[in-house]
């Protein structure tokens, strides 16, 4: 069962700024590929939501998808 989302993002300014830098730098930027990992409850989803906001502010689309069997087949079919 998923936990609840945090109301405030604390201590993650550097990670959010790194993603914003990657978006602003454009293609080829090392910050454009980002992976958030960690134990349950450390704030991965909250951080992802903050990055979602940054992407939208820069005019990007944001896709939120859970990896399940058949994900790629469903994403590429028309």
Protein backbone atom coordinates (compact mmCIF):
# COMPACT_ATOMS: atom_id res chain seq x y z
CA UNK A 1 0.00 0.00 0.00
CA UNK A 2 1.53 3.34 -1.03
CA UNK A 3 2.34 5.91 1.63
CA UNK A 4 1.08 9.46 1.71
CA UNK A 5 2.85 12.28 -0.12
CA UNK A 6 4.80 14.86 1.82
CA UNK A 7 3.40 18.38 1.93
CA UNK A 8 6.85 20.01 1.82
CA UNK A 9 10.07 19.04 0.07
CA UNK A 10 12.96 19.49 2.51
CA UNK A 11 16.67 19.18 1.75
CA UNK A 12 16.30 18.32 -1.93
CA UNK A 13 17.04 21.70 -3.53
CA UNK A 14 20.29 20.43 -5.06
CA UNK A 15 18.57 17.51 -6.79
CA UNK A 16 15.75 19.67 -8.15
CA UNK A 17 18.28 22.28 -9.33
CA UNK A 18 20.34 19.61 -11.11
CA UNK A 19 17.29 18.47 -13.06
CA UNK A 20 16.39 22.07 -13.88
CA UNK A 21 19.95 22.64 -15.14
CA UNK A 22 19.68 19.58 -17.38
CA UNK A 23 16.40 20.82 -18.84
CA UNK A 24 17.82 24.30 -19.45
CA UNK A 25 21.09 22.98 -20.97
CA UNK A 26 19.17 20.93 -23.54
CA UNK A 27 20.22 17.90 -25.56
CA UNK A 28 23.48 16.28 -24.48
CA UNK A 29 23.31 17.56 -20.92
CA UNK A 30 24.33 14.93 -18.36
CA UNK A 31 21.45 16.14 -16.15
CA UNK A 32 18.79 15.11 -18.65
CA UNK A 33 18.86 11.50 -17.49
CA UNK A 34 17.97 11.22 -13.84
CA UNK A 35 17.13 8.21 -11.70
CA UNK A 36 15.78 8.44 -8.17
CA UNK A 37 16.37 5.38 -6.01
CA UNK A 38 16.08 4.68 -2.32
CA UNK A 39 14.27 2.81 0.39
CA UNK A 40 10.53 3.12 0.82
CA UNK A 41 9.51 6.37 2.46
CA UNK A 42 12.61 8.46 1.73
CA UNK A 43 10.76 10.87 -0.58
CA UNK A 44 11.30 9.60 -4.13
CA UNK A 45 7.73 10.32 -5.22
CA UNK A 46 7.73 13.73 -3.56
CA UNK A 47 10.99 14.57 -5.33
CA UNK A 48 9.57 13.34 -8.63
CA UNK A 49 6.54 15.59 -8.17
CA UNK A 50 8.84 18.59 -7.64
CA UNK A 51 10.75 17.71 -10.81
CA UNK A 52 7.41 17.40 -12.62
CA UNK A 53 6.69 21.01 -11.67
CA UNK A 54 10.10 22.15 -12.96
CA UNK A 55 9.58 20.38 -16.28
CA UNK A 56 6.14 21.93 -16.74
CA UNK A 57 7.51 25.39 -15.89
CA UNK A 58 10.02 24.96 -18.74
CA UNK A 59 7.32 23.95 -21.22
CA UNK A 60 8.05 20.22 -21.19
CA UNK A 61 5.48 17.46 -21.05
CA UNK A 62 5.67 15.10 -18.10
CA UNK A 63 4.55 11.48 -18.32
CA UNK A 64 3.90 9.61 -15.09
CA UNK A 65 3.77 5.86 -15.65
CA UNK A 66 4.27 2.79 -13.49
CA UNK A 67 6.51 0.13 -15.03
CA UNK A 68 4.39 -2.95 -15.59
CA UNK A 69 4.48 -5.88 -17.98
CA UNK A 70 3.72 -4.69 -21.51
CA UNK A 71 4.50 -1.04 -20.75
CA UNK A 72 6.64 -0.50 -23.84
CA UNK A 73 4.27 -2.33 -26.17
CA UNK A 74 1.39 -0.19 -24.95
CA UNK A 75 3.45 2.99 -25.23
CA UNK A 76 4.48 2.40 -28.82
CA UNK A 77 1.25 1.08 -30.35
CA UNK A 78 -1.14 3.40 -32.15
